[in-house]
Structures are given as C-alpha cells and as structure tokens.
C-alpha cells in the first residue's frame, strides 16, 4: 500500500513540476524554473513535516504520499546538479556559483520558514 501511495503522490508531483517548469522562462542561462520549483518544495516540505509531526491529525501514510511521493517528485536534485554542470561547461562560472549558493541558502531558509510557520499555526 505504501508503494501505491508514493506512486500517487509522485504522479501528481511530477505533473505539477512539469506544468510549473513550462510556465517559468529561464533567463540568461540561470535555471529559474528548477530553482523556483525546488524553493517551493523546500518551503512546503518544511511546513508539512513539521505540521505532521506536531499534530496527530496526519496519518503516516499521508505523510509518505505527500512528503516522499509528491514533494519528492516535485523537487529535483538531479536536475539541479545537471544544470549546474551545464552552466560550468558553458563557462558561466559566476552563474553556476550563484545557482548553487542561492539554492542552498534560500532552500534552507525557506524550509526553516515553513517549519516556523507550522509552529506558529499550531500555537494559535
């Protein structure tokens, strides 16, 4: 049953990722679509896992479907890595460094913001 839940979440996460990726235009070599998608995923996962762990309202199966399935297929470390490699191969060294730095720092910051938002919501 867990495999089916991950597949369902993954199906919808992949569709959302593809749709948003088609909507956002990459600019000047910077992979804006992947960056934006991954940042949304960091925030949502930070919020969702904190909320799920602090309340007993979210069943573990649902956490698996959303966290592993949906967010796991929505975000993409492999595309981030390959895009960084392509930037380096094109000689866009500063863009590659900015992409890695921004993805890491902003991603952790947004995961933390999502985490804090879940805590604030719980306390109200």
PDB file of N, CA and C in Angstrom:
ATOM      1  N   UNK A   1       0.821  -1.201   0.000  1.00  0.00           N
ATOM      2  CA  UNK A   1       0.000   0.000   0.000  1.00  0.00           C
ATOM      3  C   UNK A   1       0.867   1.267   0.000  1.00  0.00           C
ATOM      4  N   UNK A   2       1.987   1.242   0.743  1.00  0.00           N
ATOM      5  CA  UNK A   2       2.874   2.408   0.781  1.00  0.00           C
ATOM      6  C   UNK A   2       3.405   2.754  -0.613  1.00  0.00           C
ATOM      7  N   UNK A   3       3.738   1.722  -1.379  1.00  0.00           N
ATOM      8  CA  UNK A   3       4.241   1.947  -2.732  1.00  0.00           C
ATOM      9  C   UNK A   3       3.193   2.644  -3.597  1.00  0.00           C
ATOM     10  N   UNK A   4       1.956   2.250  -3.472  1.00  0.00           N
ATOM     11  CA  UNK A   4       0.875   2.863  -4.238  1.00  0.00           C
ATOM     12  C   UNK A   4       0.699   4.326  -3.833  1.00  0.00           C
ATOM     13  N   UNK A   5       0.777   4.601  -2.535  1.00  0.00           N
ATOM     14  CA  UNK A   5       0.652   5.988  -2.063  1.00  0.00           C
ATOM     15  C   UNK A   5       1.782   6.859  -2.582  1.00  0.00           C
ATOM     16  N   UNK A   6       3.000   6.343  -2.577  1.00  0.00           N
ATOM     17  CA  UNK A   6       4.133   7.098  -3.109  1.00  0.00           C
ATOM     18  C   UNK A   6       3.947   7.324  -4.616  1.00  0.00           C
ATOM     19  N   UNK A   7       3.455   6.309  -5.313  1.00  0.00           N
ATOM     20  CA  UNK A   7       3.212   6.452  -6.752  1.00  0.00           C
ATOM     21  C   UNK A   7       2.158   7.520  -7.044  1.00  0.00           C
ATOM     22  N   UNK A   8       1.093   7.538  -6.278  1.00  0.00           N
ATOM     23  CA  UNK A   8       0.042   8.537  -6.471  1.00  0.00           C
ATOM     24  C   UNK A   8       0.594   9.941  -6.225  1.00  0.00           C
ATOM     25  N   UNK A   9       1.280  10.115  -5.096  1.00  0.00           N
ATOM     26  CA  UNK A   9       1.881  11.414  -4.795  1.00  0.00           C
ATOM     27  C   UNK A   9       2.897  11.809  -5.854  1.00  0.00           C
ATOM     28  N   UNK A  10       3.713  10.848  -6.274  1.00  0.00           N
ATOM     29  CA  UNK A  10       4.729  11.106  -7.290  1.00  0.00           C
ATOM     30  C   UNK A  10       4.139  11.506  -8.630  1.00  0.00           C
ATOM     31  N   UNK A  11       3.040  10.873  -8.985  1.00  0.00           N
ATOM     32  CA  UNK A  11       2.351  11.192 -10.236  1.00  0.00           C
ATOM     33  C   UNK A  11       1.935  12.656 -10.252  1.00  0.00           C
ATOM     34  N   UNK A  12       1.271  13.087  -9.195  1.00  0.00           N
ATOM     35  CA  UNK A  12       0.795  14.469  -9.142  1.00  0.00           C
ATOM     36  C   UNK A  12       1.929  15.475  -8.954  1.00  0.00           C
ATOM     37  N   UNK A  13       2.958  15.096  -8.195  1.00  0.00           N
ATOM     38  CA  UNK A  13       4.112  15.979  -8.034  1.00  0.00           C
ATOM     39  C   UNK A  13       4.838  16.204  -9.349  1.00  0.00           C
ATOM     40  N   UNK A  14       4.987  15.137 -10.132  1.00  0.00           N
ATOM     41  CA  UNK A  14       5.666  15.255 -11.432  1.00  0.00           C
ATOM     42  C   UNK A  14       4.863  16.123 -12.393  1.00  0.00           C
ATOM     43  N   UNK A  15       3.550  15.962 -12.381  1.00  0.00           N
ATOM     44  CA  UNK A  15       2.703  16.787 -13.250  1.00  0.00           C
ATOM     45  C   UNK A  15       2.811  18.261 -12.854  1.00  0.00           C
ATOM     46  N   UNK A  16       2.766  18.531 -11.559  1.00  0.00           N
ATOM     47  CA  UNK A  16       2.894  19.922 -11.093  1.00  0.00           C
ATOM     48  C   UNK A  16       4.256  20.493 -11.471  1.00  0.00           C
ATOM     49  N   UNK A  17       5.299  19.704 -11.289  1.00  0.00           N
ATOM     50  CA  UNK A  17       6.647  20.171 -11.627  1.00  0.00           C
ATOM     51  C   UNK A  17       6.747  20.485 -13.117  1.00  0.00           C
ATOM     52  N   UNK A  18       6.254  19.589 -13.938  1.00  0.00           N
ATOM     53  CA  UNK A  18       6.302  19.810 -15.379  1.00  0.00           C
ATOM     54  C   UNK A  18       5.525  21.071 -15.757  1.00  0.00           C
ATOM     55  N   UNK A  19       4.341  21.219 -15.202  1.00  0.00           N
ATOM     56  CA  UNK A  19       3.486  22.370 -15.533  1.00  0.00           C
ATOM     57  C   UNK A  19       4.138  23.684 -15.140  1.00  0.00           C
ATOM     58  N   UNK A  20       4.668  23.751 -13.931  1.00  0.00           N
ATOM     59  CA  UNK A  20       5.330  24.984 -13.489  1.00  0.00           C
ATOM     60  C   UNK A  20       6.593  25.232 -14.300  1.00  0.00           C
ATOM     61  N   UNK A  21       7.324  24.165 -14.610  1.00  0.00           N
ATOM     62  CA  UNK A  21       8.528  24.296 -15.416  1.00  0.00           C
ATOM     63  C   UNK A  21       8.258  24.834 -16.808  1.00  0.00           C
ATOM     64  N   UNK A  22       7.114  24.505 -17.364  1.00  0.00           N
ATOM     65  CA  UNK A  22       6.723  25.024 -18.670  1.00  0.00           C
ATOM     66  C   UNK A  22       6.300  26.493 -18.594  1.00  0.00           C
ATOM     67  N   UNK A  23       5.797  26.886 -17.460  1.00  0.00           N
ATOM     68  CA  UNK A  23       5.269  28.229 -17.263  1.00  0.00           C
ATOM     69  C   UNK A  23       6.376  29.257 -17.026  1.00  0.00           C
ATOM     70  N   UNK A  24       7.425  28.845 -16.340  1.00  0.00           N
ATOM     71  CA  UNK A  24       8.515  29.770 -15.977  1.00  0.00           C
ATOM     72  C   UNK A  24       9.581  29.747 -17.065  1.00  0.00           C
ATOM     73  N   UNK A  25       9.990  30.913 -17.490  1.00  0.00           N
ATOM     74  CA  UNK A  25      11.007  31.032 -18.537  1.00  0.00           C
ATOM     75  C   UNK A  25      12.372  31.217 -17.881  1.00  0.00           C
ATOM     76  N   UNK A  26      13.331  30.372 -18.261  1.00  0.00           N
ATOM     77  CA  UNK A  26      14.698  30.532 -17.764  1.00  0.00           C
ATOM     78  C   UNK A  26      15.305  31.763 -18.426  1.00  0.00           C
ATOM     79  N   UNK A  27      16.080  32.510 -17.653  1.00  0.00           N
ATOM     80  CA  UNK A  27      16.570  33.785 -18.118  1.00  0.00           C
ATOM     81  C   UNK A  27      18.087  33.856 -18.037  1.00  0.00           C
ATOM     82  N   UNK A  28      18.725  34.263 -19.113  1.00  0.00           N
ATOM     83  CA  UNK A  28      20.177  34.484 -19.151  1.00  0.00           C
ATOM     84  C   UNK A  28      20.978  33.294 -18.649  1.00  0.00           C
ATOM     85  N   UNK A  29      20.527  32.102 -18.942  1.00  0.00           N
ATOM     86  CA  UNK A  29      21.256  30.909 -18.542  1.00  0.00           C
ATOM     87  C   UNK A  29      20.953  30.427 -17.136  1.00  0.00           C
ATOM     88  N   UNK A  30      20.356  31.275 -16.297  1.00  0.00           N
ATOM     89  CA  UNK A  30      20.033  30.863 -14.928  1.00  0.00           C
ATOM     90  C   UNK A  30      18.800  29.964 -14.960  1.00  0.00           C
ATOM     91  N   UNK A  31      18.897  28.753 -14.400  1.00  0.00           N
ATOM     92  CA  UNK A  31      17.777  27.798 -14.425  1.00  0.00           C
ATOM     93  C   UNK A  31      16.673  28.177 -13.437  1.00  0.00           C
ATOM     94  N   UNK A  32      15.959  29.232 -13.758  1.00  0.00           N
ATOM     95  CA  UNK A  32      14.959  29.799 -12.866  1.00  0.00           C
ATOM     96  C   UNK A  32      13.834  28.820 -12.553  1.00  0.00           C
ATOM     97  N   UNK A  33      13.404  28.035 -13.526  1.00  0.00           N
ATOM     98  CA  UNK A  33      12.281  27.128 -13.279  1.00  0.00           C
ATOM     99  C   UNK A  33      12.631  26.073 -12.231  1.00  0.00           C
ATOM    100  N   UNK A  34      13.783  25.443 -12.354  1.00  0.00           N
ATOM    101  CA  UNK A  34      14.187  24.446 -11.365  1.00  0.00           C
ATOM    102  C   UNK A  34      14.412  25.088 -10.008  1.00  0.00           C
ATOM    103  N   UNK A  35      15.031  26.258 -10.001  1.00  0.00           N
ATOM    104  CA  UNK A  35      15.259  26.981  -8.750  1.00  0.00           C
ATOM    105  C   UNK A  35      13.932  27.267  -8.051  1.00  0.00           C
ATOM    106  N   UNK A  36      12.987  27.823  -8.777  1.00  0.00           N
ATOM    107  CA  UNK A  36      11.692  28.177  -8.213  1.00  0.00           C
ATOM    108  C   UNK A  36      10.954  26.943  -7.692  1.00  0.00           C
ATOM    109  N   UNK A  37      10.939  25.889  -8.475  1.00  0.00           N
ATOM    110  CA  UNK A  37      10.270  24.640  -8.077  1.00  0.00           C
ATOM    111  C   UNK A  37      10.905  24.076  -6.810  1.00  0.00           C
ATOM    112  N   UNK A  38      12.220  24.022  -6.780  1.00  0.00           N
ATOM    113  CA  UNK A  38      12.901  23.475  -5.601  1.00  0.00           C
ATOM    114  C   UNK A  38      12.667  24.334  -4.359  1.00  0.00           C
ATOM    115  N   UNK A  39      12.589  25.647  -4.538  1.00  0.00           N
ATOM    116  CA  UNK A  39      12.357  26.524  -3.390  1.00  0.00           C
ATOM    117  C   UNK A  39      10.931  26.351  -2.852  1.00  0.00           C
ATOM    118  N   UNK A  40       9.961  26.212  -3.735  1.00  0.00           N
ATOM    119  CA  UNK A  40       8.589  25.926  -3.298  1.00  0.00           C
ATOM    120  C   UNK A  40       8.572  24.619  -2.507  1.00  0.00           C
ATOM    121  N   UNK A  41       9.254  23.613  -3.036  1.00  0.00           N
ATOM    122  CA  UNK A  41       9.309  22.309  -2.367  1.00  0.00           C
ATOM    123  C   UNK A  41       9.955  22.383  -0.998  1.00  0.00           C
ATOM    124  N   UNK A  42      11.015  23.159  -0.861  1.00  0.00           N
ATOM    125  CA  UNK A  42      11.672  23.319   0.445  1.00  0.00           C
ATOM    126  C   UNK A  42      10.711  23.904   1.469  1.00  0.00           C
ATOM    127  N   UNK A  43       9.991  24.941   1.060  1.00  0.00           N
ATOM    128  CA  UNK A  43       9.050  25.587   1.973  1.00  0.00           C
ATOM    129  C   UNK A  43       7.917  24.633   2.360  1.00  0.00           C
ATOM    130  N   UNK A  44       7.318  24.001   1.361  1.00  0.00           N
ATOM    131  CA  UNK A  44       6.179  23.107   1.629  1.00  0.00           C
ATOM    132  C   UNK A  44       6.600  21.925   2.497  1.00  0.00           C
ATOM    133  N   UNK A  45       7.736  21.320   2.196  1.00  0.00           N
ATOM    134  CA  UNK A  45       8.178  20.167   2.979  1.00  0.00           C
ATOM    135  C   UNK A  45       8.521  20.579   4.411  1.00  0.00           C
ATOM    136  N   UNK A  46       9.178  21.728   4.573  1.00  0.00           N
ATOM    137  CA  UNK A  46       9.465  22.232   5.917  1.00  0.00           C
ATOM    138  C   UNK A  46       8.194  22.435   6.721  1.00  0.00           C
ATOM    139  N   UNK A  47       7.178  23.017   6.074  1.00  0.00           N
ATOM    140  CA  UNK A  47       5.901  23.236   6.751  1.00  0.00           C
ATOM    141  C   UNK A  47       5.170  21.916   7.010  1.00  0.00           C
ATOM    142  N   UNK A  48       5.044  21.109   5.982  1.00  0.00           N
ATOM    143  CA  UNK A  48       4.229  19.898   6.085  1.00  0.00           C
ATOM    144  C   UNK A  48       4.764  18.907   7.109  1.00  0.00           C
ATOM    145  N   UNK A  49       6.068  18.636   7.063  1.00  0.00           N
ATOM    146  CA  UNK A  49       6.620  17.653   8.004  1.00  0.00           C
ATOM    147  C   UNK A  49       6.552  18.150   9.443  1.00  0.00           C
ATOM    148  N   UNK A  50       6.748  19.448   9.645  1.00  0.00           N
ATOM    149  CA  UNK A  50       6.620  19.996  10.992  1.00  0.00           C
ATOM    150  C   UNK A  50       5.182  19.879  11.468  1.00  0.00           C
ATOM    151  N   UNK A  51       4.247  20.269  10.618  1.00  0.00           N
ATOM    152  CA  UNK A  51       2.827  20.174  10.956  1.00  0.00           C
ATOM    153  C   UNK A  51       2.434  18.727  11.245  1.00  0.00           C
ATOM    154  N   UNK A  52       2.868  17.818  10.387  1.00  0.00           N
ATOM    155  CA  UNK A  52       2.512  16.403  10.560  1.00  0.00           C
ATOM    156  C   UNK A  52       3.105  15.822  11.836  1.00  0.00           C
ATOM    157  N   UNK A  53       4.319  16.226  12.181  1.00  0.00           N
ATOM    158  CA  UNK A  53       4.972  15.704  13.384  1.00  0.00           C
ATOM    159  C   UNK A  53       4.407  16.303  14.669  1.00  0.00           C
ATOM    160  N   UNK A  54       3.884  17.515  14.593  1.00  0.00           N
ATOM    161  CA  UNK A  54       3.389  18.171  15.801  1.00  0.00           C
ATOM    162  C   UNK A  54       1.922  17.883  16.085  1.00  0.00           C
ATOM    163  N   UNK A  55       1.200  17.512  15.073  1.00  0.00           N
ATOM    164  CA  UNK A  55      -0.209  17.182  15.279  1.00  0.00           C
ATOM    165  C   UNK A  55      -0.374  15.696  15.027  1.00  0.00           C
ATOM    166  N   UNK A  56      -1.335  15.130  15.615  1.00  0.00           N
ATOM    167  CA  UNK A  56      -1.603  13.721  15.348  1.00  0.00           C
ATOM    168  C   UNK A  56      -2.754  13.583  14.364  1.00  0.00           C
ATOM    169  N   UNK A  57      -2.947  14.616  13.550  1.00  0.00           N
ATOM    170  CA  UNK A  57      -4.039  14.632  12.598  1.00  0.00           C
ATOM    171  C   UNK A  57      -3.650  14.081  11.231  1.00  0.00           C
ATOM    172  N   UNK A  58      -2.348  13.953  10.973  1.00  0.00           N
ATOM    173  CA  UNK A  58      -1.877  13.485   9.676  1.00  0.00           C
ATOM    174  C   UNK A  58      -1.390  12.049   9.825  1.00  0.00           C
ATOM    175  N   UNK A  59      -2.011  11.159   9.098  1.00  0.00           N
ATOM    176  CA  UNK A  59      -1.627   9.751   9.162  1.00  0.00           C
ATOM    177  C   UNK A  59      -0.275   9.546   8.484  1.00  0.00           C
ATOM    178  N   UNK A  60       0.524   8.603   8.994  1.00  0.00           N
ATOM    179  CA  UNK A  60       1.836   8.339   8.389  1.00  0.00           C
ATOM    180  C   UNK A  60       1.756   8.020   6.892  1.00  0.00           C
ATOM    181  N   UNK A  61       0.711   7.349   6.462  1.00  0.00           N
ATOM    182  CA  UNK A  61       0.564   7.021   5.044  1.00  0.00           C
ATOM    183  C   UNK A  61       0.407   8.292   4.209  1.00  0.00           C
ATOM    184  N   UNK A  62      -0.306   9.274   4.738  1.00  0.00           N
ATOM    185  CA  UNK A  62      -0.484  10.536   4.034  1.00  0.00           C
ATOM    186  C   UNK A  62       0.825  11.315   3.998  1.00  0.00           C
ATOM    187  N   UNK A  63       1.573  11.265   5.096  1.00  0.00           N
ATOM    188  CA  UNK A  63       2.889  11.908   5.126  1.00  0.00           C
ATOM    189  C   UNK A  63       3.806  11.293   4.080  1.00  0.00           C
ATOM    190  N   UNK A  64       3.750   9.994   3.931  1.00  0.00           N
ATOM    191  CA  UNK A  64       4.544   9.298   2.914  1.00  0.00           C
ATOM    192  C   UNK A  64       4.123   9.728   1.509  1.00  0.00           C
ATOM    193  N   UNK A  65       2.829   9.813   1.276  1.00  0.00           N
ATOM    194  CA  UNK A  65       2.327  10.183  -0.044  1.00  0.00           C
ATOM    195  C   UNK A  65       2.717  11.620  -0.400  1.00  0.00           C
ATOM    196  N   UNK A  66       2.568  12.538   0.550  1.00  0.00           N
ATOM    197  CA  UNK A  66       2.876  13.947   0.277  1.00  0.00           C
ATOM    198  C   UNK A  66       4.383  14.209   0.332  1.00  0.00           C
ATOM    199  N   UNK A  67       5.019  13.792   1.426  1.00  0.00           N
ATOM    200  CA  UNK A  67       6.447  14.096   1.607  1.00  0.00           C
ATOM    201  C   UNK A  67       7.341  13.376   0.611  1.00  0.00           C
ATOM    202  N   UNK A  68       7.232  12.063   0.569  1.00  0.00           N
ATOM    203  CA  UNK A  68       8.100  11.276  -0.313  1.00  0.00           C
ATOM    204  C   UNK A  68       7.598  11.299  -1.749  1.00  0.00           C
ATOM    205  N   UNK A  69       6.306  11.066  -1.930  1.00  0.00           N
ATOM    206  CA  UNK A  69       5.753  10.967  -3.279  1.00  0.00           C
ATOM    207  C   UNK A  69       5.658  12.310  -3.979  1.00  0.00           C
ATOM    208  N   UNK A  70       4.795  13.182  -3.463  1.00  0.00           N
ATOM    209  CA  UNK A  70       4.533  14.451  -4.148  1.00  0.00           C
ATOM    210  C   UNK A  70       5.761  15.361  -4.160  1.00  0.00           C
ATOM    211  N   UNK A  71       6.266  15.718  -2.970  1.00  0.00           N
ATOM    212  CA  UNK A  71       7.399  16.651  -2.907  1.00  0.00           C
ATOM    213  C   UNK A  71       8.658  16.019  -3.488  1.00  0.00           C
ATOM    214  N   UNK A  72       8.816  14.710  -3.272  1.00  0.00           N
ATOM    215  CA  UNK A  72       9.980  14.025  -3.829  1.00  0.00           C
ATOM    216  C   UNK A  72      10.049  14.082  -5.345  1.00  0.00           C
ATOM    217  N   UNK A  73       8.899  14.002  -6.004  1.00  0.00           N
ATOM    218  CA  UNK A  73       8.912  14.083  -7.469  1.00  0.00           C
ATOM    219  C   UNK A  73       8.750  15.519  -7.955  1.00  0.00           C
ATOM    220  N   UNK A  74       8.230  16.383  -7.117  1.00  0.00           N
ATOM    221  CA  UNK A  74       8.076  17.790  -7.486  1.00  0.00           C
ATOM    222  C   UNK A  74       9.441  18.475  -7.526  1.00  0.00           C
ATOM    223  N   UNK A  75      10.251  18.257  -6.505  1.00  0.00           N
ATOM    224  CA  UNK A  75      11.584  18.853  -6.466  1.00  0.00           C
ATOM    225  C   UNK A  75      12.567  17.924  -7.153  1.00  0.00           C
ATOM    226  N   UNK A  76      13.740  18.455  -7.472  1.00  0.00           N
ATOM    227  CA  UNK A  76      14.690  17.628  -8.206  1.00  0.00           C
ATOM    228  C   UNK A  76      16.129  18.049  -7.959  1.00  0.00           C
ATOM    229  N   UNK A  77      16.833  17.223  -7.241  1.00  0.00           N
ATOM    230  CA  UNK A  77      18.252  17.479  -7.014  1.00  0.00           C
ATOM    231  C   UNK A  77      19.068  17.102  -8.251  1.00  0.00           C
ATOM    232  N   UNK A  78      18.637  16.068  -8.953  1.00  0.00           N
ATOM    233  CA  UNK A  78      19.390  15.630 -10.131  1.00  0.00           C
ATOM    234  C   UNK A  78      19.379  16.689 -11.234  1.00  0.00           C
ATOM    235  N   UNK A  79      18.230  17.311 -11.474  1.00  0.00           N
ATOM    236  CA  UNK A  79      18.177  18.370 -12.487  1.00  0.00           C
ATOM    237  C   UNK A  79      19.016  19.563 -12.049  1.00  0.00           C
ATOM    238  N   UNK A  80      18.938  19.911 -10.783  1.00  0.00           N
ATOM    239  CA  UNK A  80      19.771  20.979 -10.226  1.00  0.00           C
ATOM    240  C   UNK A  80      21.254  20.682 -10.483  1.00  0.00           C
ATOM    241  N   UNK A  81      21.672  19.454 -10.233  1.00  0.00           N
ATOM    242  CA  UNK A  81      23.076  19.073 -10.413  1.00  0.00           C
ATOM    243  C   UNK A  81      23.496  19.147 -11.881  1.00  0.00           C
ATOM    244  N   UNK A  82      22.670  18.617 -12.769  1.00  0.00           N
ATOM    245  CA  UNK A  82      23.000  18.622 -14.202  1.00  0.00           C
ATOM    246  C   UNK A  82      22.985  20.046 -14.750  1.00  0.00           C
ATOM    247  N   UNK A  83      22.030  20.851 -14.318  1.00  0.00           N
ATOM    248  CA  UNK A  83      22.000  22.245 -14.774  1.00  0.00           C
ATOM    249  C   UNK A  83      23.232  23.003 -14.299  1.00  0.00           C
ATOM    250  N   UNK A  84      23.677  22.732 -13.095  1.00  0.00           N
ATOM    251  CA  UNK A  84      24.902  23.359 -12.594  1.00  0.00           C
ATOM    252  C   UNK A  84      26.089  22.939 -13.450  1.00  0.00           C
ATOM    253  N   UNK A  85      26.163  21.658 -13.756  1.00  0.00           N
ATOM    254  CA  UNK A  85      27.232  21.147 -14.626  1.00  0.00           C
ATOM    255  C   UNK A  85      27.198  21.830 -15.998  1.00  0.00           C
ATOM    256  N   UNK A  86      26.009  21.979 -16.569  1.00  0.00           N
ATOM    257  CA  UNK A  86      25.886  22.641 -17.870  1.00  0.00           C
ATOM    258  C   UNK A  86      26.327  24.100 -17.813  1.00  0.00           C
ATOM    259  N   UNK A  87      25.991  24.774 -16.736  1.00  0.00           N
ATOM    260  CA  UNK A  87      26.447  26.157 -16.576  1.00  0.00           C
ATOM    261  C   UNK A  87      27.970  26.224 -16.546  1.00  0.00           C
ATOM    262  N   UNK A  88      28.582  25.293 -15.822  1.00  0.00           N
ATOM    263  CA  UNK A  88      30.050  25.258 -15.750  1.00  0.00           C
ATOM    264  C   UNK A  88      30.654  24.947 -17.114  1.00  0.00           C
ATOM    265  N   UNK A  89      30.056  24.013 -17.849  1.00  0.00           N
ATOM    266  CA  UNK A  89      30.555  23.647 -19.175  1.00  0.00           C
ATOM    267  C   UNK A  89      30.426  24.793 -20.171  1.00  0.00           C
ATOM    268  N   UNK A  90      29.423  25.638 -19.994  1.00  0.00           N
ATOM    269  CA  UNK A  90      29.231  26.806 -20.868  1.00  0.00           C
ATOM    270  C   UNK A  90      30.120  27.976 -20.460  1.00  0.00           C
ATOM    271  N   UNK A  91      30.875  27.810 -19.377  1.00  0.00           N
ATOM    272  CA  UNK A  91      31.747  28.877 -18.905  1.00  0.00           C
ATOM    273  C   UNK A  91      31.031  29.921 -18.065  1.00  0.00           C
ATOM    274  N   UNK A  92      29.818  29.635 -17.661  1.00  0.00           N
ATOM    275  CA  UNK A  92      29.047  30.564 -16.829  1.00  0.00           C
ATOM    276  C   UNK A  92      29.326  30.262 -15.351  1.00  0.00           C
ATOM    277  N   UNK A  93      30.574  30.455 -14.975  1.00  0.00           N
ATOM    278  CA  UNK A  93      31.053  30.094 -13.643  1.00  0.00           C
ATOM    279  C   UNK A  93      30.324  30.875 -12.553  1.00  0.00           C
ATOM    280  N   UNK A  94      30.207  32.186 -12.719  1.00  0.00           N
ATOM    281  CA  UNK A  94      29.517  33.004 -11.715  1.00  0.00           C
ATOM    282  C   UNK A  94      28.049  32.612 -11.583  1.00  0.00           C
ATOM    283  N   UNK A  95      27.403  32.333 -12.697  1.00  0.00           N
ATOM    284  CA  UNK A  95      26.002  31.907 -12.663  1.00  0.00           C
ATOM    285  C   UNK A  95      25.870  30.576 -11.934  1.00  0.00           C
ATOM    286  N   UNK A  96      26.800  29.655 -12.196  1.00  0.00           N
ATOM    287  CA  UNK A  96      26.779  28.347 -11.517  1.00  0.00           C
ATOM    288  C   UNK A  96      26.973  28.511 -10.015  1.00  0.00           C
ATOM    289  N   UNK A  97      27.909  29.361  -9.622  1.00  0.00           N
ATOM    290  CA  UNK A  97      28.152  29.596  -8.198  1.00  0.00           C
ATOM    291  C   UNK A  97      26.926  30.243  -7.551  1.00  0.00           C
ATOM    292  N   UNK A  98      26.333  31.214  -8.227  1.00  0.00           N
ATOM    293  CA  UNK A  98      25.131  31.862  -7.717  1.00  0.00           C
ATOM    294  C   UNK A  98      23.995  30.853  -7.576  1.00  0.00           C
ATOM    295  N   UNK A  99      23.839  29.981  -8.559  1.00  0.00           N
ATOM    296  CA  UNK A  99      22.782  28.967  -8.546  1.00  0.00           C
ATOM    297  C   UNK A  99      22.951  28.015  -7.364  1.00  0.00           C
ATOM    298  N   UNK A 100      24.163  27.530  -7.155  1.00  0.00           N
ATOM    299  CA  UNK A 100      24.424  26.608  -6.048  1.00  0.00           C
ATOM    300  C   UNK A 100      24.242  27.323  -4.708  1.00  0.00           C
ATOM    301  N   UNK A 101      24.805  28.509  -4.590  1.00  0.00           N
ATOM    302  CA  UNK A 101      24.705  29.262  -3.339  1.00  0.00           C
ATOM    303  C   UNK A 101      23.255  29.620  -3.019  1.00  0.00           C
ATOM    304  N   UNK A 102      22.550  30.173  -3.999  1.00  0.00           N
ATOM    305  CA  UNK A 102      21.165  30.584  -3.778  1.00  0.00           C
ATOM    306  C   UNK A 102      20.279  29.377  -3.483  1.00  0.00           C
ATOM    307  N   UNK A 103      20.478  28.296  -4.208  1.00  0.00           N
ATOM    308  CA  UNK A 103      19.666  27.097  -3.981  1.00  0.00           C
ATOM    309  C   UNK A 103      19.858  26.569  -2.566  1.00  0.00           C
ATOM    310  N   UNK A 104      21.083  26.559  -2.114  1.00  0.00           N
ATOM    311  CA  UNK A 104      21.382  26.039  -0.785  1.00  0.00           C
ATOM    312  C   UNK A 104      20.878  26.979   0.311  1.00  0.00           C
ATOM    313  N   UNK A 105      21.273  28.222   0.254  1.00  0.00           N
ATOM    314  CA  UNK A 105      20.941  29.171   1.317  1.00  0.00           C
ATOM    315  C   UNK A 105      19.439  29.486   1.330  1.00  0.00           C
ATOM    316  N   UNK A 106      18.888  29.799   0.176  1.00  0.00           N
ATOM    317  CA  UNK A 106      17.462  30.131   0.120  1.00  0.00           C
ATOM    318  C   UNK A 106      16.623  28.894   0.431  1.00  0.00           C
ATOM    319  N   UNK A 107      17.050  27.728  -0.081  1.00  0.00           N
ATOM    320  CA  UNK A 107      16.312  26.490   0.185  1.00  0.00           C
ATOM    321  C   UNK A 107      16.238  26.163   1.667  1.00  0.00           C
ATOM    322  N   UNK A 108      17.357  26.262   2.354  1.00  0.00           N
ATOM    323  CA  UNK A 108      17.362  26.006   3.797  1.00  0.00           C
ATOM    324  C   UNK A 108      16.549  27.076   4.519  1.00  0.00           C
ATOM    325  N   UNK A 109      16.678  28.315   4.071  1.00  0.00           N
ATOM    326  CA  UNK A 109      15.903  29.396   4.674  1.00  0.00           C
ATOM    327  C   UNK A 109      14.402  29.192   4.509  1.00  0.00           C
ATOM    328  N   UNK A 110      13.982  28.743   3.344  1.00  0.00           N
ATOM    329  CA  UNK A 110      12.557  28.515   3.115  1.00  0.00           C
ATOM    330  C   UNK A 110      12.054  27.280   3.865  1.00  0.00           C
ATOM    331  N   UNK A 111      12.880  26.253   3.976  1.00  0.00           N
ATOM    332  CA  UNK A 111      12.491  25.091   4.785  1.00  0.00           C
ATOM    333  C   UNK A 111      12.303  25.518   6.240  1.00  0.00           C
ATOM    334  N   UNK A 112      13.195  26.373   6.715  1.00  0.00           N
ATOM    335  CA  UNK A 112      13.084  26.899   8.077  1.00  0.00           C
ATOM    336  C   UNK A 112      11.839  27.775   8.229  1.00  0.00           C
ATOM    337  N   UNK A 113      11.563  28.608   7.230  1.00  0.00           N
ATOM    338  CA  UNK A 113      10.370  29.464   7.282  1.00  0.00           C
ATOM    339  C   UNK A 113       9.102  28.614   7.308  1.00  0.00           C
ATOM    340  N   UNK A 114       9.067  27.569   6.510  1.00  0.00           N
ATOM    341  CA  UNK A 114       7.930  26.656   6.528  1.00  0.00           C
ATOM    342  C   UNK A 114       7.781  25.979   7.876  1.00  0.00           C
ATOM    343  N   UNK A 115       8.899  25.557   8.437  1.00  0.00           N
ATOM    344  CA  UNK A 115       8.921  24.937   9.765  1.00  0.00           C
ATOM    345  C   UNK A 115       8.359  25.908  10.811  1.00  0.00           C
ATOM    346  N   UNK A 116       8.845  27.141  10.795  1.00  0.00           N
ATOM    347  CA  UNK A 116       8.376  28.147  11.762  1.00  0.00           C
ATOM    348  C   UNK A 116       6.899  28.469  11.562  1.00  0.00           C
ATOM    349  N   UNK A 117       6.447  28.523  10.333  1.00  0.00           N
ATOM    350  CA  UNK A 117       5.044  28.798  10.065  1.00  0.00           C
ATOM    351  C   UNK A 117       4.159  27.702  10.643  1.00  0.00           C
ATOM    352  N   UNK A 118       4.600  26.472  10.541  1.00  0.00           N
ATOM    353  CA  UNK A 118       3.833  25.354  11.100  1.00  0.00           C
ATOM    354  C   UNK A 118       3.764  25.463  12.622  1.00  0.00           C
ATOM    355  N   UNK A 119       4.836  25.881  13.247  1.00  0.00           N
ATOM    356  CA  UNK A 119       4.847  26.035  14.702  1.00  0.00           C
ATOM    357  C   UNK A 119       3.930  27.177  15.108  1.00  0.00           C
ATOM    358  N   UNK A 120       3.982  28.275  14.397  1.00  0.00           N
ATOM    359  CA  UNK A 120       3.115  29.414  14.700  1.00  0.00           C
ATOM    360  C   UNK A 120       1.652  29.009  14.554  1.00  0.00           C
ATOM    361  N   UNK A 121       1.327  28.313  13.488  1.00  0.00           N
ATOM    362  CA  UNK A 121      -0.053  27.874  13.263  1.00  0.00           C
ATOM    363  C   UNK A 121      -0.528  26.956  14.375  1.00  0.00           C
ATOM    364  N   UNK A 122       0.339  26.099  14.872  1.00  0.00           N
ATOM    365  CA  UNK A 122      -0.035  25.149  15.907  1.00  0.00           C
ATOM    366  C   UNK A 122      -0.354  25.867  17.220  1.00  0.00           C
ATOM    367  N   UNK A 123       0.414  26.893  17.537  1.00  0.00           N
ATOM    368  CA  UNK A 123       0.266  27.599  18.816  1.00  0.00           C
ATOM    369  C   UNK A 123      -1.004  28.439  18.882  1.00  0.00           C
ATOM    370  N   UNK A 124      -1.596  28.781  17.778  1.00  0.00           N
ATOM    371  CA  UNK A 124      -2.783  29.641  17.781  1.00  0.00           C
ATOM    372  C   UNK A 124      -4.011  28.884  18.199  1.00  0.00           C
TER     373      UNK A 124
END
